[in-house]
Amino acid sequence: MAVTLTDLESWIDNAMIQEGISNYKLDVSGNSIKGDGYLGEVTFVKVTTKLGMVKDKDIYLVVKSAKKSDELRKQTPVKEAYEREIFMYTKVMPIFREFQKECALEAPFNKFARCFSASNENKREVLIMENLKMTGFEVHDRRQPQNLNHALLVFRSYGSLHAISLAMRIRKPALFKSLTKNMTDVMGKLLTQTNIFPVLTKGFETVIDILKDSGKNELADKCEGLKNGLEEYLTKYCDPNSPQSVILHGDCWNNNMMFKYEDGNRIQPVDMRFIDFQLSRVASPILDLSYYLYSCADKTVLDHFDFLLQAYHTSLSDSLKELGCNVDEILTYNELKQQWKKYGRYGLALTPLIIKIELCQSDEVVDFAESAEKGERLDGLFDFTLQDQGEYEKRLLEVFSHFGEKFL
């Protein structure tokens, strides 16, 4: 069942009440396209508020609502995912802002969309967000790898984001423990509930064949061993008690970040925002970094891996210093590299699936709810050969060659 106008009117009215606005007009301006999200629907709304006889003010919103399908909810943790994102916007982010304020940061990290209101009512889970597109932000073309300028901005931004968690662990341990005590592994539940592991295993078998065809037999043998540990990498790597674990962004593929450009220059972004926190949880920062890098970069960026990792660590160090902490007492650069050797397997394990999703043509994109309602198992929806199979195999070869040469 799709979102109704009655739903939208109810949700927007609640958001406007919280804004102290009672006189307004609502216009639905569109929806996200198929493939932009799998567990929910996104509706774009313009709210024209009546400020008197002088002028009106337009507020542009994104209404992100959970899909209602019972069959989809049986196969995926829709409710848990929305509850996690609502928790991130209504609890975690305000605490992050307050902590940075207490530390007197001149330029606090706040690369998130504004959340006007949210509700976790069953089958009516929703977040009312600002529409970042109206302030100049846009999603990078998912079918194209992000270049080094994008990757550098993302790595530096993750450094600043992760620093808040690490500093809070030290300066406000009781608060951080209370904040994260119920942050279970929603990603692990999603992967388990959809029974996606056979699909991921088949993806690794594709990688092994590609490596053999490229004459990289030794690496192919090593990936055979990696294949056997897929479930461990993807469900056992959350460790809330580790002093080096952070609150993750969690779902770091192309469509969950937006960039701003100037003067039509799509090569060099000047700012970014992280979106979609449905899979946020507590684990090594490498889970965010490896997921992003291996799903969004090609060889031209992977060749600069050490530069990117150093940029991340410098950003982490600078941010921790502003928050009253010393990075060398928390996570040294050498420790960070060692963590990548272990936890980088997380991003690697997801890569065959995520890159396939990113390279899908419009007629290849799957609809989770529609398929679930037909009685289809979701784990079989990605079992197809891409129209752009050559690019897919090229990307996989570059990613696995990078990891194998540096860390295996």
Protein backbone atom coordinates (compact mmCIF):
# COMPACT_ATOMS: atom_id res chain seq x y z
CA MET A 1 0.00 0.00 0.00
CA ALA A 2 1.45 3.33 -1.07
CA VAL A 3 1.56 6.54 0.92
CA THR A 4 -1.78 8.35 0.75
CA LEU A 5 -2.50 12.07 0.68
CA THR A 6 -4.15 11.64 4.07
CA ASP A 7 -0.89 10.21 5.42
CA LEU A 8 1.09 13.14 4.04
CA GLU A 9 -1.33 15.73 5.39
CA SER A 10 -1.22 14.17 8.85
CA TRP A 11 2.57 13.94 8.96
CA ILE A 12 3.17 17.43 7.58
CA ASP A 13 0.60 18.93 9.96
CA ASN A 14 2.46 17.44 12.91
CA ALA A 15 5.76 18.86 11.63
CA MET A 16 4.24 22.31 11.10
CA ILE A 17 2.70 22.32 14.58
CA GLN A 18 6.18 21.73 16.00
CA GLU A 19 7.38 24.69 13.90
CA GLY A 20 4.58 26.88 15.24
CA ILE A 21 2.99 27.15 11.79
CA SER A 22 -0.76 26.74 11.39
CA ASN A 23 -1.54 28.45 8.10
CA TYR A 24 0.01 26.72 5.10
CA LYS A 25 -0.62 25.03 1.76
CA LEU A 26 0.81 21.62 0.83
CA ASP A 27 1.90 20.64 -2.69
CA VAL A 28 3.23 17.17 -3.54
CA SER A 29 6.00 17.67 -6.09
CA GLY A 30 7.16 14.10 -6.79
CA ASN A 31 8.66 10.87 -5.56
CA SER A 32 12.04 9.20 -5.64
CA ILE A 33 12.71 6.87 -8.55
CA LYS A 34 12.79 3.09 -8.36
CA GLY A 35 16.11 1.90 -6.96
CA ASP A 36 16.75 4.89 -4.70
CA GLY A 37 15.48 2.98 -1.66
CA TYR A 38 14.34 -0.53 -0.83
CA LEU A 39 12.55 -0.36 2.53
CA GLY A 40 10.69 2.91 2.14
CA GLU A 41 9.21 5.59 -0.05
CA VAL A 42 10.36 9.16 -0.47
CA THR A 43 7.92 11.94 -1.31
CA PHE A 44 8.94 15.52 -2.08
CA VAL A 45 6.64 18.18 -0.70
CA LYS A 46 6.51 21.96 -0.90
CA VAL A 47 4.85 23.69 2.04
CA THR A 48 3.88 27.30 1.41
CA THR A 49 3.40 29.03 4.74
CA LYS A 50 1.23 32.12 5.03
CA LEU A 51 3.18 34.80 6.86
CA GLY A 52 0.60 37.53 6.42
CA MET A 53 -0.15 39.92 3.62
CA VAL A 54 3.48 40.81 2.92
CA LYS A 55 4.88 37.51 1.68
CA ASP A 56 4.74 33.76 1.89
CA LYS A 57 7.60 31.38 2.70
CA ASP A 58 8.20 28.04 1.00
CA ILE A 59 9.59 25.10 2.96
CA TYR A 60 10.82 22.15 0.89
CA LEU A 61 10.56 18.78 2.61
CA VAL A 62 11.38 15.14 2.06
CA VAL A 63 8.88 12.71 3.58
CA LYS A 64 10.64 9.40 4.14
CA SER A 65 8.09 6.73 5.04
CA ALA A 66 8.35 3.00 5.64
CA LYS A 67 6.74 0.59 3.24
CA LYS A 68 3.64 -0.99 4.75
CA SER A 69 3.77 -4.38 3.01
CA ASP A 70 3.30 -7.23 5.49
CA GLU A 71 5.22 -9.60 3.25
CA LEU A 72 8.15 -7.20 2.99
CA ARG A 73 8.18 -6.81 6.76
CA LYS A 74 8.37 -10.56 7.16
CA GLN A 75 11.51 -10.71 5.04
CA THR A 76 13.24 -7.49 6.14
CA PRO A 77 13.53 -5.53 9.41
CA VAL A 78 11.64 -2.49 8.09
CA LYS A 79 10.43 -1.31 11.48
CA GLU A 80 13.81 -1.75 13.18
CA ALA A 81 15.53 0.17 10.38
CA TYR A 82 13.17 3.12 10.69
CA GLU A 83 13.34 3.07 14.47
CA ARG A 84 17.13 3.22 14.24
CA GLU A 85 17.08 6.19 11.88
CA ILE A 86 14.54 8.02 14.02
CA PHE A 87 16.75 7.37 17.05
CA MET A 88 19.76 8.76 15.22
CA TYR A 89 18.00 11.99 14.23
CA THR A 90 16.05 12.60 17.43
CA LYS A 91 18.53 11.36 20.07
CA VAL A 92 22.07 10.84 18.79
CA MET A 93 22.49 13.90 16.59
CA PRO A 94 21.13 16.37 19.18
CA ILE A 95 23.51 14.88 21.78
CA PHE A 96 26.39 15.15 19.29
CA ARG A 97 25.53 18.82 18.73
CA GLU A 98 25.31 19.54 22.45
CA PHE A 99 28.62 17.79 23.17
CA GLN A 100 30.39 19.82 20.50
CA LYS A 101 28.81 22.99 21.91
CA GLU A 102 30.13 22.13 25.37
CA CYS A 103 33.57 21.68 23.82
CA ALA A 104 33.22 25.16 22.29
CA LEU A 105 33.90 24.08 18.72
CA GLU A 106 34.02 27.02 16.35
CA ALA A 107 32.84 24.90 13.40
CA PRO A 108 30.95 21.87 14.80
CA PHE A 109 30.39 18.87 12.56
CA ASN A 110 26.81 18.82 11.34
CA LYS A 111 26.80 17.23 7.90
CA PHE A 112 23.26 15.92 8.29
CA ALA A 113 19.88 16.97 6.95
CA ARG A 114 17.58 18.74 9.37
CA CYS A 115 14.82 16.53 10.76
CA PHE A 116 11.57 18.45 11.38
CA SER A 117 9.67 15.58 12.99
CA ALA A 118 9.48 11.79 13.13
CA SER A 119 7.12 9.04 14.23
CA ASN A 120 7.65 5.31 14.81
CA GLU A 121 3.96 4.38 14.85
CA ASN A 122 3.64 0.86 13.44
CA LYS A 123 3.25 0.85 9.62
CA ARG A 124 3.35 4.64 9.69
CA GLU A 125 7.02 5.09 10.49
CA VAL A 126 8.14 8.38 8.99
CA LEU A 127 10.75 11.13 9.05
CA ILE A 128 10.08 14.66 7.81
CA MET A 129 13.39 16.05 6.56
CA GLU A 130 14.64 19.16 4.82
CA ASN A 131 15.03 18.71 1.07
CA LEU A 132 18.77 19.10 0.58
CA LYS A 133 18.33 19.40 -3.17
CA MET A 134 16.84 22.84 -2.66
CA THR A 135 20.06 23.99 -0.98
CA GLY A 136 22.26 22.76 -3.80
CA PHE A 137 23.09 19.19 -2.75
CA GLU A 138 22.72 16.23 -5.11
CA VAL A 139 23.42 12.52 -5.25
CA HIS A 140 26.38 11.47 -7.39
CA ASP A 141 25.48 9.32 -10.41
CA ARG A 142 25.48 5.83 -8.89
CA ARG A 143 26.59 4.24 -12.16
CA GLN A 144 29.85 6.20 -12.18
CA PRO A 145 32.72 5.73 -9.67
CA GLN A 146 33.36 8.73 -7.44
CA ASN A 147 36.66 10.48 -8.16
CA LEU A 148 39.50 11.27 -5.74
CA ASN A 149 38.08 14.68 -4.82
CA HIS A 150 34.82 13.09 -3.69
CA ALA A 151 36.62 10.29 -1.82
CA LEU A 152 38.88 12.76 -0.03
CA LEU A 153 35.91 14.83 1.13
CA VAL A 154 34.08 11.71 2.30
CA PHE A 155 37.09 10.32 4.20
CA ARG A 156 37.73 13.65 5.92
CA SER A 157 34.04 13.95 6.81
CA TYR A 158 34.00 10.46 8.29
CA GLY A 159 37.07 11.44 10.35
CA SER A 160 35.18 14.36 11.88
CA LEU A 161 32.04 12.28 12.44
CA HIS A 162 33.82 9.35 14.08
CA ALA A 163 35.85 11.68 16.32
CA ILE A 164 32.69 12.70 18.18
CA SER A 165 32.05 9.11 19.30
CA LEU A 166 35.66 8.51 20.32
CA ALA A 167 35.80 11.76 22.32
CA MET A 168 32.48 11.05 24.02
CA ARG A 169 33.75 7.62 25.10
CA ILE A 170 36.52 9.37 27.00
CA ARG A 171 34.93 12.57 28.21
CA LYS A 172 31.34 11.37 28.79
CA PRO A 173 31.57 7.57 29.13
CA ALA A 174 28.29 7.12 31.02
CA LEU A 175 26.37 9.15 28.46
CA PHE A 176 27.95 7.32 25.53
CA LYS A 177 27.24 3.94 27.10
CA SER A 178 23.63 4.90 27.72
CA LEU A 179 23.26 6.27 24.20
CA THR A 180 24.57 3.13 22.51
CA LYS A 181 23.35 0.35 24.81
CA ASN A 182 20.43 -0.62 22.57
CA MET A 183 22.11 -0.04 19.20
CA THR A 184 21.88 -3.62 17.98
CA ASP A 185 23.20 -4.72 14.59
CA VAL A 186 20.33 -3.88 12.21
CA MET A 187 22.55 -4.53 9.19
CA GLY A 188 23.33 -8.04 10.42
CA LYS A 189 19.62 -8.66 10.93
CA LEU A 190 18.83 -7.36 7.44
CA LEU A 191 21.39 -9.64 5.82
CA THR A 192 20.28 -12.65 7.87
CA GLN A 193 16.54 -12.07 7.52
CA THR A 194 16.76 -11.70 3.73
CA ASN A 195 19.01 -14.79 3.57
CA ILE A 196 21.35 -12.86 1.31
CA PHE A 197 24.48 -14.89 2.08
CA PRO A 198 24.08 -17.34 -0.83
CA VAL A 199 23.89 -14.32 -3.15
CA LEU A 200 27.05 -12.85 -1.61
CA THR A 201 28.78 -16.22 -1.89
CA LYS A 202 27.89 -16.40 -5.57
CA GLY A 203 29.30 -12.90 -5.96
CA PHE A 204 32.60 -14.08 -4.53
CA GLU A 205 32.59 -17.03 -6.90
CA THR A 206 32.24 -14.53 -9.76
CA VAL A 207 35.21 -12.61 -8.35
CA ILE A 208 37.30 -15.78 -8.13
CA ASP A 209 36.54 -16.60 -11.79
CA ILE A 210 37.49 -13.05 -12.82
CA LEU A 211 40.78 -13.27 -10.93
CA LYS A 212 41.62 -16.61 -12.53
CA ASP A 213 40.80 -15.29 -15.99
CA SER A 214 43.19 -12.39 -15.27
CA GLY A 215 45.98 -14.77 -14.29
CA LYS A 216 45.78 -13.90 -10.60
CA ASN A 217 45.50 -17.47 -9.39
CA GLU A 218 47.20 -16.92 -6.04
CA LEU A 219 44.81 -14.12 -5.18
CA ALA A 220 41.89 -16.24 -6.40
CA ASP A 221 42.92 -18.96 -3.93
CA LYS A 222 43.06 -16.43 -1.10
CA CYS A 223 39.61 -15.13 -2.01
CA GLU A 224 38.35 -18.70 -1.86
CA GLY A 225 39.31 -18.61 1.80
CA LEU A 226 37.70 -15.20 2.29
CA LYS A 227 34.46 -16.53 0.80
CA ASN A 228 34.10 -18.98 3.67
CA GLY A 229 34.13 -16.16 6.22
CA LEU A 230 31.44 -13.95 4.68
CA GLU A 231 28.85 -14.38 7.39
CA GLU A 232 31.43 -13.70 10.10
CA TYR A 233 32.64 -10.48 8.44
CA LEU A 234 29.11 -9.18 8.03
CA THR A 235 27.49 -10.18 11.34
CA LYS A 236 30.29 -10.53 13.90
CA TYR A 237 32.22 -7.30 13.47
CA CYS A 238 30.08 -5.05 15.68
CA ASP A 239 31.83 -4.47 19.02
CA PRO A 240 30.14 -1.76 21.13
CA ASN A 241 32.62 -2.25 23.98
CA SER A 242 35.82 -1.63 22.03
CA PRO A 243 37.37 1.76 22.93
CA GLN A 244 38.01 2.27 19.21
CA SER A 245 34.43 1.60 18.07
CA VAL A 246 32.23 4.49 16.93
CA ILE A 247 28.62 5.15 16.03
CA LEU A 248 28.68 4.37 12.33
CA HIS A 249 26.88 5.98 9.44
CA GLY A 250 26.29 2.36 8.53
CA ASP A 251 25.04 2.17 4.93
CA CYS A 252 27.76 3.88 2.95
CA TRP A 253 26.91 3.33 -0.69
CA ASN A 254 26.68 6.06 -3.30
CA ASN A 255 23.02 7.03 -2.77
CA ASN A 256 23.40 7.73 0.94
CA MET A 257 25.50 10.86 0.60
CA MET A 258 24.92 14.12 -1.23
CA PHE A 259 27.40 16.64 -2.63
CA LYS A 260 27.37 20.35 -3.38
CA TYR A 261 29.22 21.84 -6.34
CA GLU A 262 29.95 25.36 -7.53
CA ASP A 263 29.76 26.86 -11.03
CA GLY A 264 28.69 23.58 -12.62
CA ASN A 265 31.97 21.86 -11.65
CA ARG A 266 31.07 18.21 -10.95
CA ILE A 267 34.72 17.24 -10.53
CA GLN A 268 35.34 19.07 -7.24
CA PRO A 269 32.59 19.00 -4.59
CA VAL A 270 32.74 21.81 -2.04
CA ASP A 271 30.55 20.24 0.64
CA MET A 272 28.62 17.07 1.44
CA ARG A 273 25.89 15.61 3.64
CA PHE A 274 25.38 12.08 4.94
CA ILE A 275 21.84 10.72 4.61
CA ASP A 276 20.10 7.48 5.57
CA PHE A 277 21.06 6.26 9.04
CA GLN A 278 18.82 3.19 9.14
CA LEU A 279 21.77 0.81 9.62
CA SER A 280 23.77 2.86 12.12
CA ARG A 281 25.37 0.79 14.86
CA VAL A 282 28.58 0.65 16.93
CA ALA A 283 31.73 -0.87 15.43
CA SER A 284 35.17 -0.12 14.01
CA PRO A 285 35.26 3.02 11.81
CA ILE A 286 36.76 0.80 9.10
CA LEU A 287 33.29 -0.61 8.43
CA ASP A 288 32.16 2.80 7.17
CA LEU A 289 35.40 3.50 5.30
CA SER A 290 35.76 0.13 3.57
CA TYR A 291 32.08 -0.06 2.63
CA TYR A 292 32.29 3.38 1.04
CA LEU A 293 35.65 2.97 -0.70
CA TYR A 294 35.09 -0.47 -2.20
CA SER A 295 31.57 0.28 -3.43
CA CYS A 296 32.19 3.79 -4.79
CA ALA A 297 35.78 3.91 -6.08
CA ASP A 298 37.69 2.49 -9.02
CA LYS A 299 41.42 1.98 -9.55
CA THR A 300 42.12 5.69 -10.08
CA VAL A 301 41.09 6.25 -6.45
CA LEU A 302 42.22 2.94 -4.96
CA ASP A 303 45.76 3.75 -6.09
CA HIS A 304 45.65 6.66 -3.61
CA PHE A 305 44.56 4.49 -0.68
CA ASP A 306 47.40 5.49 1.67
CA PHE A 307 46.79 9.17 0.94
CA LEU A 308 43.08 8.77 1.74
CA LEU A 309 43.66 6.83 4.92
CA GLN A 310 46.17 9.42 6.11
CA ALA A 311 43.68 12.18 5.29
CA TYR A 312 41.06 10.38 7.38
CA HIS A 313 43.45 10.01 10.29
CA THR A 314 44.51 13.67 10.10
CA SER A 315 40.87 14.74 10.12
CA LEU A 316 40.22 12.39 13.05
CA SER A 317 43.24 13.79 14.89
CA ASP A 318 42.31 17.44 14.29
CA SER A 319 38.72 16.87 15.37
CA LEU A 320 39.73 14.95 18.49
CA LYS A 321 42.12 17.74 19.45
CA GLU A 322 39.27 20.25 19.24
CA LEU A 323 37.21 17.91 21.44
CA GLY A 324 39.97 17.79 24.05
CA CYS A 325 41.49 14.40 23.17
CA ASN A 326 44.73 13.03 21.71
CA VAL A 327 44.39 10.69 18.74
CA ASP A 328 47.62 8.83 19.59
CA GLU A 329 46.05 7.73 22.87
CA ILE A 330 43.01 6.37 21.05
CA LEU A 331 43.76 5.21 17.52
CA THR A 332 47.20 5.68 15.94
CA TYR A 333 47.70 5.60 12.20
CA ASN A 334 49.43 2.20 12.42
CA GLU A 335 46.53 0.83 14.46
CA LEU A 336 44.15 2.19 11.84
CA LYS A 337 46.01 0.32 9.09
CA GLN A 338 45.95 -2.86 11.14
CA GLN A 339 42.21 -2.48 11.63
CA TRP A 340 41.78 -2.18 7.86
CA LYS A 341 43.54 -5.52 7.38
CA LYS A 342 40.88 -7.15 9.55
CA TYR A 343 37.74 -5.04 9.22
CA GLY A 344 38.28 -4.03 5.59
CA ARG A 345 36.91 -7.46 4.76
CA TYR A 346 33.51 -6.10 5.73
CA GLY A 347 33.39 -3.65 2.82
CA LEU A 348 34.98 -6.23 0.55
CA ALA A 349 32.27 -8.78 1.39
CA LEU A 350 29.50 -6.37 0.36
CA THR A 351 31.18 -5.15 -2.81
CA PRO A 352 29.86 -7.72 -5.36
CA LEU A 353 26.29 -6.96 -4.31
CA ILE A 354 26.54 -3.19 -3.84
CA ILE A 355 28.36 -2.53 -7.12
CA LYS A 356 25.74 -4.64 -8.91
CA ILE A 357 23.02 -2.45 -7.37
CA GLU A 358 24.88 0.69 -8.40
CA LEU A 359 25.38 -0.44 -12.00
CA CYS A 360 21.77 -1.55 -12.56
CA GLN A 361 19.98 0.04 -15.50
CA SER A 362 16.50 1.37 -14.75
CA ASP A 363 14.85 -1.76 -16.17
CA GLU A 364 17.04 -3.99 -13.96
CA VAL A 365 16.18 -2.34 -10.65
CA VAL A 366 14.23 -4.59 -8.28
CA ASP A 367 11.28 -3.57 -6.12
CA PHE A 368 11.43 -5.33 -2.75
CA ALA A 369 7.82 -4.70 -1.74
CA GLU A 370 6.37 -5.67 -5.11
CA SER A 371 8.39 -8.89 -5.19
CA ALA A 372 7.55 -9.77 -1.58
CA GLU A 373 3.83 -9.31 -2.28
CA LYS A 374 4.18 -11.78 -5.16
CA GLY A 375 5.54 -14.32 -2.72
CA GLU A 376 9.09 -14.11 -4.08
CA ARG A 377 12.12 -14.55 -1.85
CA LEU A 378 14.23 -11.40 -1.83
CA ASP A 379 17.51 -13.30 -1.89
CA GLY A 380 16.84 -14.30 -5.51
CA LEU A 381 16.23 -10.80 -6.86
CA PHE A 382 19.90 -10.07 -7.54
CA ASP A 383 20.62 -13.33 -9.34
CA PHE A 384 20.97 -11.91 -12.84
CA THR A 385 23.67 -10.82 -15.28
CA LEU A 386 23.99 -7.05 -15.67
CA GLN A 387 23.63 -5.37 -19.03
CA ASP A 388 26.89 -3.64 -18.11
CA GLN A 389 28.59 -6.85 -16.99
CA GLY A 390 31.98 -5.78 -18.37
CA GLU A 391 32.12 -2.69 -16.17
CA TYR A 392 30.95 -4.78 -13.20
CA GLU A 393 33.75 -7.30 -13.64
CA LYS A 394 36.31 -4.53 -14.15
CA ARG A 395 35.30 -2.83 -10.90
CA LEU A 396 35.42 -6.09 -8.95
CA LEU A 397 38.85 -6.94 -10.34
CA GLU A 398 40.20 -3.53 -9.29
CA VAL A 399 38.76 -3.71 -5.77
CA PHE A 400 39.86 -7.26 -5.00
CA SER A 401 43.28 -6.74 -6.54
CA HIS A 402 43.75 -3.70 -4.31
CA PHE A 403 42.79 -5.53 -1.13
CA GLY A 404 44.73 -8.63 -2.03
CA GLU A 405 47.94 -6.79 -2.87
CA LYS A 406 47.88 -4.66 0.28
CA PHE A 407 46.29 -6.84 2.94
CA LEU A 408 46.39 -10.56 2.03
